[in-house]
């Protein structure tokens, strides 16, 4: 079912500061920024081998990422696993008793 780790999502309080760290200090390739209005976040991607690192900054204090940071602090937010069919993977995992945040596929960064 799972093909590879697609990306590692890291919640940050300040995307600009975090981009400087990953790009300038760590020397990672910067692939650019994207705003995902539905999730109320700005993201920045850094390709790394066959995967990438995604930095997520909340754009609204009521966003899921803002709530995550308020409760747990900045840090690893999610690990995205690559599958061929997201809807089928959700269905199979749900049938096996895995609690899913989303019950249908949704757009993201």
PDB file of N, CA and C in Angstrom:
ATOM      1  N   UNK A   1       0.833  -1.197   0.000  1.00  0.00           N
ATOM      2  CA  UNK A   1       0.000   0.000   0.000  1.00  0.00           C
ATOM      3  C   UNK A   1       0.874   1.256   0.000  1.00  0.00           C
ATOM      4  N   UNK A   2       1.832   1.339   0.921  1.00  0.00           N
ATOM      5  CA  UNK A   2       2.665   2.538   1.013  1.00  0.00           C
ATOM      6  C   UNK A   2       3.875   2.411   0.100  1.00  0.00           C
ATOM      7  N   UNK A   3       4.163   3.468  -0.634  1.00  0.00           N
ATOM      8  CA  UNK A   3       5.260   3.470  -1.601  1.00  0.00           C
ATOM      9  C   UNK A   3       6.548   4.049  -1.018  1.00  0.00           C
ATOM     10  N   UNK A   4       6.417   5.142  -0.271  1.00  0.00           N
ATOM     11  CA  UNK A   4       7.576   5.817   0.311  1.00  0.00           C
ATOM     12  C   UNK A   4       7.082   6.920   1.236  1.00  0.00           C
ATOM     13  N   UNK A   5       7.998   7.504   1.980  1.00  0.00           N
ATOM     14  CA  UNK A   5       7.668   8.719   2.725  1.00  0.00           C
ATOM     15  C   UNK A   5       7.678   9.853   1.707  1.00  0.00           C
ATOM     16  N   UNK A   6       6.519  10.489   1.525  1.00  0.00           N
ATOM     17  CA  UNK A   6       6.416  11.595   0.578  1.00  0.00           C
ATOM     18  C   UNK A   6       7.055  12.851   1.156  1.00  0.00           C
ATOM     19  N   UNK A   7       6.628  13.202   2.365  1.00  0.00           N
ATOM     20  CA  UNK A   7       7.230  14.355   3.024  1.00  0.00           C
ATOM     21  C   UNK A   7       7.017  14.299   4.529  1.00  0.00           C
ATOM     22  N   UNK A   8       7.829  15.066   5.225  1.00  0.00           N
ATOM     23  CA  UNK A   8       7.741  15.230   6.670  1.00  0.00           C
ATOM     24  C   UNK A   8       7.267  16.651   6.917  1.00  0.00           C
ATOM     25  N   UNK A   9       6.121  16.818   7.588  1.00  0.00           N
ATOM     26  CA  UNK A   9       5.570  18.139   7.862  1.00  0.00           C
ATOM     27  C   UNK A   9       6.011  18.641   9.222  1.00  0.00           C
ATOM     28  N   UNK A  10       6.567  19.839   9.259  1.00  0.00           N
ATOM     29  CA  UNK A  10       7.059  20.432  10.499  1.00  0.00           C
ATOM     30  C   UNK A  10       6.336  21.755  10.732  1.00  0.00           C
ATOM     31  N   UNK A  11       5.629  21.855  11.851  1.00  0.00           N
ATOM     32  CA  UNK A  11       4.917  23.082  12.218  1.00  0.00           C
ATOM     33  C   UNK A  11       5.916  24.098  12.761  1.00  0.00           C
ATOM     34  N   UNK A  12       5.844  25.325  12.247  1.00  0.00           N
ATOM     35  CA  UNK A  12       6.739  26.395  12.683  1.00  0.00           C
ATOM     36  C   UNK A  12       5.918  27.637  13.011  1.00  0.00           C
ATOM     37  N   UNK A  13       6.463  28.473  13.869  1.00  0.00           N
ATOM     38  CA  UNK A  13       5.765  29.706  14.223  1.00  0.00           C
ATOM     39  C   UNK A  13       6.037  30.823  13.221  1.00  0.00           C
ATOM     40  N   UNK A  14       7.222  30.815  12.607  1.00  0.00           N
ATOM     41  CA  UNK A  14       7.615  31.878  11.674  1.00  0.00           C
ATOM     42  C   UNK A  14       8.270  31.231  10.458  1.00  0.00           C
ATOM     43  N   UNK A  15       7.551  31.192   9.348  1.00  0.00           N
ATOM     44  CA  UNK A  15       8.038  30.518   8.148  1.00  0.00           C
ATOM     45  C   UNK A  15       9.312  31.164   7.609  1.00  0.00           C
ATOM     46  N   UNK A  16       9.375  32.482   7.623  1.00  0.00           N
ATOM     47  CA  UNK A  16      10.553  33.176   7.095  1.00  0.00           C
ATOM     48  C   UNK A  16      11.815  32.785   7.858  1.00  0.00           C
ATOM     49  N   UNK A  17      11.733  32.756   9.180  1.00  0.00           N
ATOM     50  CA  UNK A  17      12.878  32.370  10.009  1.00  0.00           C
ATOM     51  C   UNK A  17      13.243  30.908   9.759  1.00  0.00           C
ATOM     52  N   UNK A  18      12.234  30.054   9.668  1.00  0.00           N
ATOM     53  CA  UNK A  18      12.480  28.627   9.444  1.00  0.00           C
ATOM     54  C   UNK A  18      13.093  28.382   8.065  1.00  0.00           C
ATOM     55  N   UNK A  19      12.618  29.097   7.045  1.00  0.00           N
ATOM     56  CA  UNK A  19      13.185  28.950   5.699  1.00  0.00           C
ATOM     57  C   UNK A  19      14.663  29.334   5.718  1.00  0.00           C
ATOM     58  N   UNK A  20      14.998  30.412   6.406  1.00  0.00           N
ATOM     59  CA  UNK A  20      16.403  30.823   6.498  1.00  0.00           C
ATOM     60  C   UNK A  20      17.250  29.723   7.132  1.00  0.00           C
ATOM     61  N   UNK A  21      16.732  29.076   8.165  1.00  0.00           N
ATOM     62  CA  UNK A  21      17.467  27.997   8.824  1.00  0.00           C
ATOM     63  C   UNK A  21      17.694  26.831   7.861  1.00  0.00           C
ATOM     64  N   UNK A  22      16.633  26.337   7.245  1.00  0.00           N
ATOM     65  CA  UNK A  22      16.745  25.160   6.381  1.00  0.00           C
ATOM     66  C   UNK A  22      17.517  25.456   5.092  1.00  0.00           C
ATOM     67  N   UNK A  23      17.320  26.642   4.517  1.00  0.00           N
ATOM     68  CA  UNK A  23      17.977  26.992   3.253  1.00  0.00           C
ATOM     69  C   UNK A  23      19.400  27.494   3.482  1.00  0.00           C
ATOM     70  N   UNK A  24      19.542  28.496   4.347  1.00  0.00           N
ATOM     71  CA  UNK A  24      20.832  29.171   4.490  1.00  0.00           C
ATOM     72  C   UNK A  24      21.783  28.458   5.442  1.00  0.00           C
ATOM     73  N   UNK A  25      21.284  27.988   6.564  1.00  0.00           N
ATOM     74  CA  UNK A  25      22.145  27.336   7.547  1.00  0.00           C
ATOM     75  C   UNK A  25      22.390  25.873   7.202  1.00  0.00           C
ATOM     76  N   UNK A  26      21.313  25.140   6.882  1.00  0.00           N
ATOM     77  CA  UNK A  26      21.453  23.714   6.582  1.00  0.00           C
ATOM     78  C   UNK A  26      21.806  23.452   5.124  1.00  0.00           C
ATOM     79  N   UNK A  27      21.612  24.449   4.264  1.00  0.00           N
ATOM     80  CA  UNK A  27      21.988  24.326   2.860  1.00  0.00           C
ATOM     81  C   UNK A  27      21.065  23.475   2.013  1.00  0.00           C
ATOM     82  N   UNK A  28      19.812  23.323   2.448  1.00  0.00           N
ATOM     83  CA  UNK A  28      18.867  22.519   1.676  1.00  0.00           C
ATOM     84  C   UNK A  28      18.303  23.321   0.505  1.00  0.00           C
ATOM     85  N   UNK A  29      18.001  22.618  -0.575  1.00  0.00           N
ATOM     86  CA  UNK A  29      17.394  23.237  -1.750  1.00  0.00           C
ATOM     87  C   UNK A  29      15.987  23.719  -1.387  1.00  0.00           C
ATOM     88  N   UNK A  30      15.672  24.957  -1.746  1.00  0.00           N
ATOM     89  CA  UNK A  30      14.372  25.555  -1.442  1.00  0.00           C
ATOM     90  C   UNK A  30      13.499  25.500  -2.685  1.00  0.00           C
ATOM     91  N   UNK A  31      12.336  24.846  -2.590  1.00  0.00           N
ATOM     92  CA  UNK A  31      11.451  24.680  -3.747  1.00  0.00           C
ATOM     93  C   UNK A  31      10.332  25.713  -3.800  1.00  0.00           C
ATOM     94  N   UNK A  32      10.255  26.600  -2.816  1.00  0.00           N
ATOM     95  CA  UNK A  32       9.256  27.654  -2.852  1.00  0.00           C
ATOM     96  C   UNK A  32       8.163  27.516  -1.814  1.00  0.00           C
ATOM     97  N   UNK A  33       7.296  28.530  -1.817  1.00  0.00           N
ATOM     98  CA  UNK A  33       6.200  28.648  -0.849  1.00  0.00           C
ATOM     99  C   UNK A  33       4.861  28.463  -1.523  1.00  0.00           C
ATOM    100  N   UNK A  34       3.892  28.046  -0.721  1.00  0.00           N
ATOM    101  CA  UNK A  34       2.517  27.907  -1.204  1.00  0.00           C
ATOM    102  C   UNK A  34       1.587  28.186  -0.026  1.00  0.00           C
ATOM    103  N   UNK A  35       0.487  28.868  -0.295  1.00  0.00           N
ATOM    104  CA  UNK A  35      -0.544  29.061   0.720  1.00  0.00           C
ATOM    105  C   UNK A  35      -1.672  28.079   0.444  1.00  0.00           C
ATOM    106  N   UNK A  36      -2.074  27.355   1.486  1.00  0.00           N
ATOM    107  CA  UNK A  36      -3.190  26.408   1.380  1.00  0.00           C
ATOM    108  C   UNK A  36      -4.331  27.010   2.198  1.00  0.00           C
ATOM    109  N   UNK A  37      -5.179  27.787   1.527  1.00  0.00           N
ATOM    110  CA  UNK A  37      -6.241  28.532   2.203  1.00  0.00           C
ATOM    111  C   UNK A  37      -7.169  27.620   2.992  1.00  0.00           C
ATOM    112  N   UNK A  38      -7.495  26.457   2.440  1.00  0.00           N
ATOM    113  CA  UNK A  38      -8.413  25.529   3.110  1.00  0.00           C
ATOM    114  C   UNK A  38      -7.891  25.103   4.484  1.00  0.00           C
ATOM    115  N   UNK A  39      -6.581  24.943   4.605  1.00  0.00           N
ATOM    116  CA  UNK A  39      -5.976  24.523   5.872  1.00  0.00           C
ATOM    117  C   UNK A  39      -5.428  25.702   6.681  1.00  0.00           C
ATOM    118  N   UNK A  40      -5.524  26.906   6.120  1.00  0.00           N
ATOM    119  CA  UNK A  40      -5.079  28.129   6.791  1.00  0.00           C
ATOM    120  C   UNK A  40      -3.600  28.053   7.168  1.00  0.00           C
ATOM    121  N   UNK A  41      -2.779  27.681   6.165  1.00  0.00           N
ATOM    122  CA  UNK A  41      -1.337  27.599   6.374  1.00  0.00           C
ATOM    123  C   UNK A  41      -0.581  28.127   5.164  1.00  0.00           C
ATOM    124  N   UNK A  42       0.643  28.587   5.435  1.00  0.00           N
ATOM    125  CA  UNK A  42       1.636  28.841   4.395  1.00  0.00           C
ATOM    126  C   UNK A  42       2.649  27.712   4.526  1.00  0.00           C
ATOM    127  N   UNK A  43       3.086  27.179   3.394  1.00  0.00           N
ATOM    128  CA  UNK A  43       4.038  26.076   3.424  1.00  0.00           C
ATOM    129  C   UNK A  43       5.274  26.420   2.611  1.00  0.00           C
ATOM    130  N   UNK A  44       6.368  25.784   2.963  1.00  0.00           N
ATOM    131  CA  UNK A  44       7.603  25.868   2.192  1.00  0.00           C
ATOM    132  C   UNK A  44       8.149  24.453   2.079  1.00  0.00           C
ATOM    133  N   UNK A  45       8.613  24.099   0.875  1.00  0.00           N
ATOM    134  CA  UNK A  45       9.111  22.743   0.637  1.00  0.00           C
ATOM    135  C   UNK A  45      10.601  22.730   0.342  1.00  0.00           C
ATOM    136  N   UNK A  46      11.243  21.680   0.850  1.00  0.00           N
ATOM    137  CA  UNK A  46      12.660  21.428   0.636  1.00  0.00           C
ATOM    138  C   UNK A  46      12.821  19.983   0.188  1.00  0.00           C
ATOM    139  N   UNK A  47      13.027  19.741  -1.124  1.00  0.00           N
ATOM    140  CA  UNK A  47      13.232  18.371  -1.591  1.00  0.00           C
ATOM    141  C   UNK A  47      14.482  17.781  -0.932  1.00  0.00           C
ATOM    142  N   UNK A  48      14.397  16.515  -0.572  1.00  0.00           N
ATOM    143  CA  UNK A  48      15.520  15.853   0.085  1.00  0.00           C
ATOM    144  C   UNK A  48      15.487  14.380  -0.307  1.00  0.00           C
ATOM    145  N   UNK A  49      16.336  13.997  -1.235  1.00  0.00           N
ATOM    146  CA  UNK A  49      16.305  12.629  -1.751  1.00  0.00           C
ATOM    147  C   UNK A  49      14.980  12.378  -2.448  1.00  0.00           C
ATOM    148  N   UNK A  50      14.344  11.255  -2.129  1.00  0.00           N
ATOM    149  CA  UNK A  50      13.049  10.923  -2.730  1.00  0.00           C
ATOM    150  C   UNK A  50      11.879  11.498  -1.936  1.00  0.00           C
ATOM    151  N   UNK A  51      12.168  12.231  -0.884  1.00  0.00           N
ATOM    152  CA  UNK A  51      11.135  12.824  -0.031  1.00  0.00           C
ATOM    153  C   UNK A  51      11.355  14.336   0.025  1.00  0.00           C
ATOM    154  N   UNK A  52      10.649  14.987   0.911  1.00  0.00           N
ATOM    155  CA  UNK A  52      10.881  16.408   1.128  1.00  0.00           C
ATOM    156  C   UNK A  52      10.454  16.786   2.537  1.00  0.00           C
ATOM    157  N   UNK A  53      10.904  17.949   2.939  1.00  0.00           N
ATOM    158  CA  UNK A  53      10.507  18.532   4.218  1.00  0.00           C
ATOM    159  C   UNK A  53       9.531  19.655   3.894  1.00  0.00           C
ATOM    160  N   UNK A  54       8.401  19.659   4.586  1.00  0.00           N
ATOM    161  CA  UNK A  54       7.394  20.709   4.427  1.00  0.00           C
ATOM    162  C   UNK A  54       7.318  21.490   5.733  1.00  0.00           C
ATOM    163  N   UNK A  55       7.550  22.783   5.667  1.00  0.00           N
ATOM    164  CA  UNK A  55       7.379  23.655   6.829  1.00  0.00           C
ATOM    165  C   UNK A  55       5.987  24.261   6.745  1.00  0.00           C
ATOM    166  N   UNK A  56       5.280  24.316   7.877  1.00  0.00           N
ATOM    167  CA  UNK A  56       3.907  24.828   7.903  1.00  0.00           C
ATOM    168  C   UNK A  56       3.782  25.944   8.935  1.00  0.00           C
ATOM    169  N   UNK A  57       3.382  27.127   8.478  1.00  0.00           N
ATOM    170  CA  UNK A  57       3.113  28.246   9.372  1.00  0.00           C
ATOM    171  C   UNK A  57       1.618  28.550   9.325  1.00  0.00           C
ATOM    172  N   UNK A  58       0.951  28.609  10.478  1.00  0.00           N
ATOM    173  CA  UNK A  58      -0.477  28.938  10.461  1.00  0.00           C
ATOM    174  C   UNK A  58      -0.700  30.372   9.989  1.00  0.00           C
ATOM    175  N   UNK A  59      -1.792  30.571   9.246  1.00  0.00           N
ATOM    176  CA  UNK A  59      -2.164  31.920   8.809  1.00  0.00           C
ATOM    177  C   UNK A  59      -3.357  32.446   9.595  1.00  0.00           C
ATOM    178  N   UNK A  60      -3.874  31.625  10.497  1.00  0.00           N
ATOM    179  CA  UNK A  60      -5.046  31.980  11.296  1.00  0.00           C
ATOM    180  C   UNK A  60      -4.903  31.301  12.655  1.00  0.00           C
ATOM    181  N   UNK A  61      -5.176  32.020  13.748  1.00  0.00           N
ATOM    182  CA  UNK A  61      -5.027  31.406  15.071  1.00  0.00           C
ATOM    183  C   UNK A  61      -5.981  30.238  15.321  1.00  0.00           C
ATOM    184  N   UNK A  62      -6.981  30.081  14.460  1.00  0.00           N
ATOM    185  CA  UNK A  62      -7.943  28.987  14.620  1.00  0.00           C
ATOM    186  C   UNK A  62      -7.619  27.797  13.704  1.00  0.00           C
ATOM    187  N   UNK A  63      -6.507  27.864  13.003  1.00  0.00           N
ATOM    188  CA  UNK A  63      -6.158  26.785  12.073  1.00  0.00           C
ATOM    189  C   UNK A  63      -5.684  25.542  12.828  1.00  0.00           C
ATOM    190  N   UNK A  64      -5.777  24.378  12.194  1.00  0.00           N
ATOM    191  CA  UNK A  64      -5.286  23.149  12.835  1.00  0.00           C
ATOM    192  C   UNK A  64      -3.811  23.236  13.232  1.00  0.00           C
ATOM    193  N   UNK A  65      -2.983  23.858  12.405  1.00  0.00           N
ATOM    194  CA  UNK A  65      -1.556  23.958  12.733  1.00  0.00           C
ATOM    195  C   UNK A  65      -1.341  24.913  13.905  1.00  0.00           C
ATOM    196  N   UNK A  66      -2.087  26.012  13.967  1.00  0.00           N
ATOM    197  CA  UNK A  66      -1.977  26.930  15.107  1.00  0.00           C
ATOM    198  C   UNK A  66      -2.374  26.226  16.399  1.00  0.00           C
ATOM    199  N   UNK A  67      -3.433  25.441  16.348  1.00  0.00           N
ATOM    200  CA  UNK A  67      -3.866  24.689  17.534  1.00  0.00           C
ATOM    201  C   UNK A  67      -2.822  23.655  17.929  1.00  0.00           C
ATOM    202  N   UNK A  68      -2.204  23.011  16.941  1.00  0.00           N
ATOM    203  CA  UNK A  68      -1.145  22.042  17.206  1.00  0.00           C
ATOM    204  C   UNK A  68       0.011  22.721  17.940  1.00  0.00           C
ATOM    205  N   UNK A  69       0.464  23.869  17.419  1.00  0.00           N
ATOM    206  CA  UNK A  69       1.579  24.588  18.034  1.00  0.00           C
ATOM    207  C   UNK A  69       1.217  25.043  19.443  1.00  0.00           C
ATOM    208  N   UNK A  70      -0.004  25.545  19.638  1.00  0.00           N
ATOM    209  CA  UNK A  70      -0.429  26.000  20.964  1.00  0.00           C
ATOM    210  C   UNK A  70      -0.416  24.856  21.975  1.00  0.00           C
ATOM    211  N   UNK A  71      -0.784  23.673  21.533  1.00  0.00           N
ATOM    212  CA  UNK A  71      -0.873  22.523  22.439  1.00  0.00           C
ATOM    213  C   UNK A  71       0.463  21.809  22.626  1.00  0.00           C
ATOM    214  N   UNK A  72       1.223  21.651  21.535  1.00  0.00           N
ATOM    215  CA  UNK A  72       2.423  20.813  21.580  1.00  0.00           C
ATOM    216  C   UNK A  72       3.724  21.559  21.297  1.00  0.00           C
ATOM    217  N   UNK A  73       3.616  22.790  20.821  1.00  0.00           N
ATOM    218  CA  UNK A  73       4.807  23.526  20.411  1.00  0.00           C
ATOM    219  C   UNK A  73       5.176  23.209  18.974  1.00  0.00           C
ATOM    220  N   UNK A  74       6.079  23.981  18.429  1.00  0.00           N
ATOM    221  CA  UNK A  74       6.543  23.751  17.065  1.00  0.00           C
ATOM    222  C   UNK A  74       7.271  22.414  17.004  1.00  0.00           C
ATOM    223  N   UNK A  75       7.203  21.769  15.844  1.00  0.00           N
ATOM    224  CA  UNK A  75       7.902  20.493  15.680  1.00  0.00           C
ATOM    225  C   UNK A  75       7.200  19.613  14.672  1.00  0.00           C
ATOM    226  N   UNK A  76       7.545  18.330  14.677  1.00  0.00           N
ATOM    227  CA  UNK A  76       6.992  17.400  13.696  1.00  0.00           C
ATOM    228  C   UNK A  76       5.475  17.347  13.833  1.00  0.00           C
ATOM    229  N   UNK A  77       4.793  17.644  12.745  1.00  0.00           N
ATOM    230  CA  UNK A  77       3.339  17.694  12.694  1.00  0.00           C
ATOM    231  C   UNK A  77       2.760  16.443  12.042  1.00  0.00           C
ATOM    232  N   UNK A  78       3.381  15.993  10.944  1.00  0.00           N
ATOM    233  CA  UNK A  78       2.878  14.798  10.267  1.00  0.00           C
ATOM    234  C   UNK A  78       3.941  14.166   9.382  1.00  0.00           C
ATOM    235  N   UNK A  79       3.713  12.900   9.080  1.00  0.00           N
ATOM    236  CA  UNK A  79       4.510  12.174   8.100  1.00  0.00           C
ATOM    237  C   UNK A  79       3.542  11.754   7.006  1.00  0.00           C
ATOM    238  N   UNK A  80       3.786  12.204   5.786  1.00  0.00           N
ATOM    239  CA  UNK A  80       2.910  11.876   4.657  1.00  0.00           C
ATOM    240  C   UNK A  80       3.498  10.693   3.897  1.00  0.00           C
ATOM    241  N   UNK A  81       2.720   9.624   3.795  1.00  0.00           N
ATOM    242  CA  UNK A  81       3.149   8.427   3.084  1.00  0.00           C
ATOM    243  C   UNK A  81       2.522   8.406   1.699  1.00  0.00           C
ATOM    244  N   UNK A  82       3.305   8.102   0.689  1.00  0.00           N
ATOM    245  CA  UNK A  82       2.827   8.064  -0.702  1.00  0.00           C
ATOM    246  C   UNK A  82       2.071   6.762  -0.955  1.00  0.00           C
ATOM    247  N   UNK A  83       0.893   6.887  -1.546  1.00  0.00           N
ATOM    248  CA  UNK A  83       0.086   5.735  -1.967  1.00  0.00           C
ATOM    249  C   UNK A  83      -0.391   5.989  -3.392  1.00  0.00           C
ATOM    250  N   UNK A  84      -0.807   4.921  -4.071  1.00  0.00           N
ATOM    251  CA  UNK A  84      -1.327   5.079  -5.428  1.00  0.00           C
ATOM    252  C   UNK A  84      -2.742   5.643  -5.437  1.00  0.00           C
ATOM    253  N   UNK A  85      -3.541   5.279  -4.427  1.00  0.00           N
ATOM    254  CA  UNK A  85      -4.958   5.652  -4.401  1.00  0.00           C
ATOM    255  C   UNK A  85      -5.320   6.076  -2.977  1.00  0.00           C
ATOM    256  N   UNK A  86      -5.404   7.377  -2.747  1.00  0.00           N
ATOM    257  CA  UNK A  86      -5.658   7.900  -1.401  1.00  0.00           C
ATOM    258  C   UNK A  86      -7.006   7.428  -0.870  1.00  0.00           C
ATOM    259  N   UNK A  87      -8.047   7.502  -1.678  1.00  0.00           N
ATOM    260  CA  UNK A  87      -9.384   7.085  -1.225  1.00  0.00           C
ATOM    261  C   UNK A  87      -9.381   5.618  -0.804  1.00  0.00           C
ATOM    262  N   UNK A  88      -8.740   4.776  -1.589  1.00  0.00           N
ATOM    263  CA  UNK A  88      -8.678   3.348  -1.260  1.00  0.00           C
ATOM    264  C   UNK A  88      -7.869   3.123   0.017  1.00  0.00           C
ATOM    265  N   UNK A  89      -6.774   3.841   0.187  1.00  0.00           N
ATOM    266  CA  UNK A  89      -5.959   3.710   1.395  1.00  0.00           C
ATOM    267  C   UNK A  89      -6.754   4.125   2.631  1.00  0.00           C
ATOM    268  N   UNK A  90      -7.503   5.227   2.543  1.00  0.00           N
ATOM    269  CA  UNK A  90      -8.340   5.659   3.666  1.00  0.00           C
ATOM    270  C   UNK A  90      -9.360   4.577   4.000  1.00  0.00           C
ATOM    271  N   UNK A  91     -10.004   4.033   2.980  1.00  0.00           N
ATOM    272  CA  UNK A  91     -11.016   2.991   3.178  1.00  0.00           C
ATOM    273  C   UNK A  91     -10.408   1.752   3.844  1.00  0.00           C
ATOM    274  N   UNK A  92      -9.266   1.295   3.352  1.00  0.00           N
ATOM    275  CA  UNK A  92      -8.630   0.097   3.904  1.00  0.00           C
ATOM    276  C   UNK A  92      -8.160   0.310   5.341  1.00  0.00           C
ATOM    277  N   UNK A  93      -7.562   1.449   5.616  1.00  0.00           N
ATOM    278  CA  UNK A  93      -7.085   1.723   6.970  1.00  0.00           C
ATOM    279  C   UNK A  93      -8.245   1.878   7.946  1.00  0.00           C
ATOM    280  N   UNK A  94      -9.304   2.542   7.522  1.00  0.00           N
ATOM    281  CA  UNK A  94     -10.494   2.685   8.367  1.00  0.00           C
ATOM    282  C   UNK A  94     -11.081   1.316   8.686  1.00  0.00           C
ATOM    283  N   UNK A  95     -11.136   0.434   7.696  1.00  0.00           N
ATOM    284  CA  UNK A  95     -11.664  -0.923   7.899  1.00  0.00           C
ATOM    285  C   UNK A  95     -10.816  -1.711   8.896  1.00  0.00           C
ATOM    286  N   UNK A  96      -9.539  -1.351   9.008  1.00  0.00           N
ATOM    287  CA  UNK A  96      -8.647  -2.032   9.949  1.00  0.00           C
ATOM    288  C   UNK A  96      -8.646  -1.365  11.327  1.00  0.00           C
ATOM    289  N   UNK A  97      -9.508  -0.366  11.511  1.00  0.00           N
ATOM    290  CA  UNK A  97      -9.635   0.275  12.813  1.00  0.00           C
ATOM    291  C   UNK A  97      -8.730   1.465  13.041  1.00  0.00           C
ATOM    292  N   UNK A  98      -8.057   1.927  12.000  1.00  0.00           N
ATOM    293  CA  UNK A  98      -7.192   3.095  12.141  1.00  0.00           C
ATOM    294  C   UNK A  98      -8.062   4.346  12.138  1.00  0.00           C
ATOM    295  N   UNK A  99      -7.885   5.200  13.163  1.00  0.00           N
ATOM    296  CA  UNK A  99      -8.646   6.447  13.243  1.00  0.00           C
ATOM    297  C   UNK A  99      -8.033   7.452  12.282  1.00  0.00           C
ATOM    298  N   UNK A 100      -8.843   7.939  11.367  1.00  0.00           N
ATOM    299  CA  UNK A 100      -8.376   8.868  10.343  1.00  0.00           C
ATOM    300  C   UNK A 100      -8.876  10.282  10.641  1.00  0.00           C
ATOM    301  N   UNK A 101      -8.050  11.265  10.384  1.00  0.00           N
ATOM    302  CA  UNK A 101      -8.475  12.659  10.524  1.00  0.00           C
ATOM    303  C   UNK A 101      -9.436  13.010   9.399  1.00  0.00           C
ATOM    304  N   UNK A 102      -9.108  12.583   8.191  1.00  0.00           N
ATOM    305  CA  UNK A 102      -9.957  12.837   7.025  1.00  0.00           C
ATOM    306  C   UNK A 102     -10.566  11.525   6.561  1.00  0.00           C
ATOM    307  N   UNK A 103     -11.831  11.573   6.171  1.00  0.00           N
ATOM    308  CA  UNK A 103     -12.498  10.364   5.678  1.00  0.00           C
ATOM    309  C   UNK A 103     -12.574  10.339   4.158  1.00  0.00           C
ATOM    310  N   UNK A 104     -12.229  11.451   3.528  1.00  0.00           N
ATOM    311  CA  UNK A 104     -12.147  11.535   2.066  1.00  0.00           C
ATOM    312  C   UNK A 104     -10.873  12.309   1.718  1.00  0.00           C
ATOM    313  N   UNK A 105     -10.304  12.049   0.546  1.00  0.00           N
ATOM    314  CA  UNK A 105      -9.106  12.798   0.146  1.00  0.00           C
ATOM    315  C   UNK A 105      -9.401  14.295   0.065  1.00  0.00           C
ATOM    316  N   UNK A 106      -8.384  15.106   0.364  1.00  0.00           N
ATOM    317  CA  UNK A 106      -8.529  16.552   0.257  1.00  0.00           C
ATOM    318  C   UNK A 106      -7.261  17.138  -0.327  1.00  0.00           C
ATOM    319  N   UNK A 107      -7.391  18.320  -0.877  1.00  0.00           N
ATOM    320  CA  UNK A 107      -6.236  19.000  -1.447  1.00  0.00           C
ATOM    321  C   UNK A 107      -5.345  19.523  -0.340  1.00  0.00           C
ATOM    322  N   UNK A 108      -4.082  19.546  -0.612  1.00  0.00           N
ATOM    323  CA  UNK A 108      -3.098  20.089   0.317  1.00  0.00           C
ATOM    324  C   UNK A 108      -1.914  20.592  -0.476  1.00  0.00           C
ATOM    325  N   UNK A 109      -0.866  20.915   0.230  1.00  0.00           N
ATOM    326  CA  UNK A 109       0.330  21.411  -0.457  1.00  0.00           C
ATOM    327  C   UNK A 109       1.065  20.269  -1.113  1.00  0.00           C
TER     328      UNK A 109
END
